[in-house]
Amino acid sequence: MNTIETCLTPEMLRHHDLTNKTVVVIDIFRATSCIVTALAHGVQSIIPVGTIAEAKLLQNKGYLTAAERQGSKVEGFDLDNSPFSYLKPELKGKTIGLTTSNGTQAIRAAQEAGAYEVLIGAFLNITVLQEYLQKRSQSVCLLCAGWKGKVNLEDTFFAGAVLNMLAPTFTTINDDCTLAQATYLQGASNPVRFLEQSAHYHRLETLGNQDDITFCLQKGIYQNIPHLKGDKLINL
C-alpha cells in the first residue's frame, strides 16, 4: 500500500524525503484556491515565484503579474490574491506570474526538495484530487503552506480532509497526519464556523475579504488539477 505523510509547514520539509513522491501543496486562504480557479476559468498557465523582485522581472518581460503580501495586493501589479480576480474572461489564454506570502514559496520548496510531482490542492478541487491520488501508484506528501513558516489551521484542516478521504487506500506514516485528521474531524460538521477560529480568517475578514473565505470553502466545484511542469503550473 502506498504511504501518505503530512508536512504542516515548509520549514519542516527538510525532514521529508520526497523522492518518487507526489506533493500536494495546500494554501487554502488563498493561493492554491486562486490557482485552481484561474486554471479552471481558462488561464493558460501560472508562473509561481518566491519574491516580489522575481514577479517584477516577469512583469518587465510583458507577463501579467499578481503579487500579495500580508493578505493585500502589492502596489504596481496587475492582480491580487483573490479568487474573484481570476474569473475575468480577458484572462483566458494568458500566462500570469504569481507571488504570495506563503503558497508560492511552498510550491518552489517542494520542487527544490526533489518532488516527483507537484500538484495544487484546494477545497475547490478536492474531489477530483482524491480520485487522481487514489488511481496513482505513488506515495504522497501533503505540504501545508502555513503562515510565515508557522502552522495554520485552515491548511491543516484541509490536509485532514484529504487524509480522511484517502484512508482506505494509503498508510499514514507520521504524526502530522494524526494531528491533521483530528483537526478535520473536530470541525468537519461545520467547516466555516470551525475555521472562524483561524488567525488568517480574522486577518482576511479585517481586510474585507469575507467573500473570498466563503468562496474558498466550496467543496469540489472544479474538476481541474494544476501541476507544476518546468516553471509553470498548468492543468493535468
Protein backbone atom coordinates (compact mmCIF):
# COMPACT_ATOMS: atom_id res chain seq x y z
CA MET A 1 0.00 0.00 0.00
CA ASN A 2 1.23 3.49 -0.83
CA THR A 3 2.15 5.84 2.01
CA ILE A 4 0.90 9.33 2.79
CA GLU A 5 2.56 11.87 5.03
CA THR A 6 1.81 15.44 6.04
CA CYS A 7 4.19 18.36 6.43
CA LEU A 8 2.45 21.09 8.40
CA THR A 9 4.83 23.88 7.29
CA PRO A 10 7.54 24.23 4.64
CA GLU A 11 10.02 24.90 7.44
CA MET A 12 9.80 21.18 8.26
CA LEU A 13 10.17 19.97 4.67
CA ARG A 14 13.88 19.26 5.15
CA HIS A 15 12.85 16.30 7.32
CA HIS A 16 10.91 14.66 4.48
CA ASP A 17 12.32 12.57 1.65
CA LEU A 18 10.27 13.46 -1.42
CA THR A 19 11.97 11.05 -3.80
CA ASN A 20 9.34 9.43 -6.04
CA LYS A 21 6.55 11.17 -4.15
CA THR A 22 3.66 13.32 -5.27
CA VAL A 23 3.47 16.54 -3.26
CA VAL A 24 0.15 18.32 -2.87
CA VAL A 25 0.70 21.98 -1.99
CA ILE A 26 -2.05 23.47 0.19
CA ASP A 27 -2.74 27.16 0.80
CA ILE A 28 -6.49 27.40 1.24
CA PHE A 29 -6.67 31.13 2.10
CA ARG A 30 -5.88 31.82 -0.74
CA ALA A 31 -3.05 30.96 -3.16
CA THR A 32 -3.94 27.39 -4.12
CA SER A 33 -7.63 28.31 -4.32
CA CYS A 34 -6.71 31.13 -6.72
CA ILE A 35 -4.56 28.84 -8.86
CA VAL A 36 -7.28 26.22 -9.18
CA THR A 37 -9.84 28.92 -10.00
CA ALA A 38 -7.63 30.63 -12.58
CA LEU A 39 -6.84 27.46 -14.50
CA ALA A 40 -10.46 26.30 -14.28
CA HIS A 41 -11.54 29.54 -15.97
CA GLY A 42 -9.16 29.44 -18.90
CA VAL A 43 -5.88 30.93 -17.70
CA GLN A 44 -3.27 29.00 -19.67
CA SER A 45 -0.56 28.83 -17.02
CA ILE A 46 0.78 30.42 -13.86
CA ILE A 47 4.44 31.00 -13.04
CA PRO A 48 4.85 30.82 -9.24
CA VAL A 49 7.81 32.79 -7.89
CA GLY A 50 9.06 33.40 -4.40
CA THR A 51 9.85 37.10 -4.39
CA ILE A 52 8.38 40.40 -5.49
CA ALA A 53 11.59 41.07 -7.42
CA GLU A 54 11.07 37.91 -9.47
CA ALA A 55 7.48 38.93 -10.16
CA LYS A 56 8.69 42.35 -11.28
CA LEU A 57 11.11 40.71 -13.72
CA LEU A 58 8.21 38.74 -15.22
CA GLN A 59 6.19 41.95 -15.45
CA ASN A 60 9.06 43.62 -17.29
CA LYS A 61 9.01 40.74 -19.78
CA GLY A 62 5.38 41.52 -20.55
CA TYR A 63 3.58 38.99 -18.40
CA LEU A 64 0.52 39.83 -16.37
CA THR A 65 1.54 39.59 -12.73
CA ALA A 66 -0.12 39.10 -9.35
CA ALA A 67 1.52 39.84 -6.02
CA GLU A 68 0.29 39.58 -2.43
CA ARG A 69 1.90 40.26 0.91
CA GLN A 70 0.23 40.35 4.33
CA GLY A 71 -3.07 39.44 2.65
CA SER A 72 -3.13 42.54 0.41
CA LYS A 73 -2.23 43.31 -3.19
CA VAL A 74 1.26 44.71 -3.74
CA GLU A 75 1.12 48.10 -5.42
CA GLY A 76 2.17 48.15 -9.06
CA PHE A 77 1.00 44.67 -10.04
CA ASP A 78 -1.99 43.68 -12.15
CA LEU A 79 -3.80 41.26 -9.86
CA ASP A 80 -4.13 40.32 -6.22
CA ASN A 81 -4.70 37.02 -4.39
CA SER A 82 -8.49 36.89 -4.53
CA PRO A 83 -10.09 34.05 -6.50
CA PHE A 84 -12.62 36.53 -7.88
CA SER A 85 -9.79 38.30 -9.72
CA TYR A 86 -9.32 35.21 -11.89
CA LEU A 87 -12.88 34.92 -13.15
CA LYS A 88 -12.38 37.64 -15.75
CA PRO A 89 -12.89 36.48 -19.36
CA GLU A 90 -9.98 38.62 -20.57
CA LEU A 91 -7.55 36.37 -18.65
CA LYS A 92 -8.34 33.33 -20.80
CA GLY A 93 -5.26 32.04 -22.59
CA LYS A 94 -2.90 34.24 -20.54
CA THR A 95 0.17 33.30 -18.52
CA ILE A 96 0.33 35.03 -15.13
CA GLY A 97 3.30 35.47 -12.85
CA LEU A 98 2.32 34.99 -9.21
CA THR A 99 3.99 35.59 -5.86
CA THR A 100 2.26 35.23 -2.49
CA SER A 101 3.29 35.32 1.13
CA ASN A 102 3.22 31.56 1.59
CA GLY A 103 1.74 29.48 -1.22
CA THR A 104 4.23 30.15 -3.99
CA GLN A 105 7.06 29.68 -1.51
CA ALA A 106 5.74 26.21 -0.71
CA ILE A 107 5.43 25.30 -4.38
CA ARG A 108 9.03 26.21 -5.05
CA ALA A 109 10.19 24.49 -1.85
CA ALA A 110 8.57 21.24 -2.99
CA GLN A 111 10.22 21.50 -6.39
CA GLU A 112 13.63 22.26 -4.91
CA ALA A 113 13.29 19.34 -2.48
CA GLY A 114 13.08 16.92 -5.40
CA ALA A 115 9.38 16.03 -5.50
CA TYR A 116 8.48 13.65 -8.33
CA GLU A 117 5.28 15.62 -8.98
CA VAL A 118 3.86 18.84 -7.53
CA LEU A 119 0.08 19.26 -7.50
CA ILE A 120 -2.16 22.07 -6.25
CA GLY A 121 -4.91 21.23 -3.79
CA ALA A 122 -7.89 23.21 -2.53
CA PHE A 123 -11.41 22.51 -1.37
CA LEU A 124 -12.47 23.72 -4.80
CA ASN A 125 -10.92 20.65 -6.49
CA ILE A 126 -10.75 18.19 -3.59
CA THR A 127 -13.00 15.56 -5.22
CA VAL A 128 -11.02 15.20 -8.44
CA LEU A 129 -7.77 15.43 -6.47
CA GLN A 130 -8.83 12.49 -4.30
CA GLU A 131 -9.74 10.44 -7.35
CA TYR A 132 -6.42 11.17 -9.01
CA LEU A 133 -4.33 10.29 -5.96
CA GLN A 134 -6.21 7.04 -5.46
CA LYS A 135 -5.56 5.98 -9.06
CA ARG A 136 -1.85 6.82 -8.94
CA SER A 137 0.68 4.25 -7.82
CA GLN A 138 2.57 6.93 -5.92
CA SER A 139 3.22 7.84 -2.32
CA VAL A 140 2.02 11.31 -1.29
CA CYS A 141 3.15 14.21 0.87
CA LEU A 142 0.58 16.84 1.81
CA LEU A 143 2.51 20.10 2.16
CA CYS A 144 0.75 22.87 4.08
CA ALA A 145 1.96 26.37 3.22
CA GLY A 146 1.10 27.69 6.69
CA TRP A 147 1.78 31.32 7.55
CA LYS A 148 5.33 32.67 7.54
CA GLY A 149 6.83 29.32 8.50
CA LYS A 150 4.23 28.58 11.16
CA VAL A 151 1.42 26.04 11.21
CA ASN A 152 -2.04 27.36 10.38
CA LEU A 153 -5.49 25.92 11.00
CA GLU A 154 -7.06 26.04 7.54
CA ASP A 155 -4.28 24.19 5.70
CA THR A 156 -4.03 21.57 8.44
CA PHE A 157 -7.82 21.16 8.29
CA PHE A 158 -7.70 20.60 4.53
CA ALA A 159 -4.87 18.07 4.85
CA GLY A 160 -7.05 16.22 7.36
CA ALA A 161 -9.95 16.22 4.92
CA VAL A 162 -7.78 14.65 2.21
CA LEU A 163 -6.39 12.09 4.66
CA ASN A 164 -9.91 11.16 5.72
CA MET A 165 -10.88 10.56 2.09
CA LEU A 166 -7.74 8.55 1.28
CA ALA A 167 -7.63 6.49 4.49
CA PRO A 168 -8.79 3.20 2.88
CA THR A 169 -6.03 3.18 0.26
CA PHE A 170 -3.00 4.80 1.93
CA THR A 171 -0.90 4.11 5.01
CA THR A 172 -0.12 7.20 7.10
CA ILE A 173 3.49 7.40 8.26
CA ASN A 174 3.83 10.40 10.55
CA ASP A 175 2.13 12.11 13.47
CA ASP A 176 1.40 15.22 11.41
CA CYS A 177 -1.24 13.08 9.68
CA THR A 178 -2.81 12.17 13.01
CA LEU A 179 -2.89 15.83 14.04
CA ALA A 180 -4.40 16.89 10.71
CA GLN A 181 -7.08 14.20 10.79
CA ALA A 182 -8.01 15.08 14.38
CA THR A 183 -8.29 18.74 13.36
CA TYR A 184 -10.54 17.87 10.44
CA LEU A 185 -12.80 15.58 12.43
CA GLN A 186 -13.23 18.27 15.08
CA GLY A 187 -14.55 20.78 12.56
CA ALA A 188 -15.97 18.66 9.73
CA SER A 189 -19.63 19.20 10.68
CA ASN A 190 -19.32 22.99 10.21
CA PRO A 191 -16.06 23.99 8.46
CA VAL A 192 -16.90 27.69 8.21
CA ARG A 193 -17.65 28.06 11.88
CA PHE A 194 -14.61 25.96 12.82
CA LEU A 195 -12.22 27.97 10.65
CA GLU A 196 -13.52 31.24 12.08
CA GLN A 197 -11.03 30.46 14.84
CA SER A 198 -8.07 30.72 12.48
CA ALA A 199 -5.75 33.72 12.54
CA HIS A 200 -5.82 34.14 8.77
CA TYR A 201 -9.62 34.05 8.73
CA HIS A 202 -9.59 37.07 11.04
CA ARG A 203 -6.82 38.70 9.01
CA LEU A 204 -8.79 38.42 5.76
CA GLU A 205 -12.03 39.43 7.46
CA THR A 206 -10.36 42.61 8.72
CA LEU A 207 -9.23 43.35 5.17
CA GLY A 208 -12.81 42.95 3.91
CA ASN A 209 -12.22 39.61 2.19
CA GLN A 210 -15.07 37.64 3.77
CA ASP A 211 -16.43 36.68 0.33
CA ASP A 212 -13.06 35.13 -0.55
CA ILE A 213 -13.25 32.89 2.51
CA THR A 214 -16.72 31.65 1.61
CA PHE A 215 -15.65 31.04 -1.98
CA CYS A 216 -12.53 29.09 -0.99
CA LEU A 217 -14.50 26.71 1.24
CA GLN A 218 -16.75 25.47 -1.57
CA LYS A 219 -16.15 21.76 -2.00
CA GLY A 220 -15.42 20.09 -5.32
CA ILE A 221 -16.82 22.71 -7.70
CA TYR A 222 -13.92 22.41 -10.17
CA GLN A 223 -12.60 19.36 -11.99
CA ASN A 224 -9.06 20.52 -12.74
CA ILE A 225 -5.78 19.70 -11.01
CA PRO A 226 -2.95 22.18 -11.58
CA HIS A 227 0.51 20.64 -11.63
CA LEU A 228 3.99 22.05 -11.99
CA LYS A 229 5.63 21.46 -15.37
CA GLY A 230 9.01 23.14 -15.53
CA ASP A 231 8.48 26.60 -14.08
CA LYS A 232 4.75 26.78 -14.88
CA LEU A 233 1.55 25.49 -13.34
CA ILE A 234 -0.81 24.02 -15.91
CA ASN A 235 -3.80 21.71 -15.76
CA LEU A 236 -3.18 17.97 -15.88
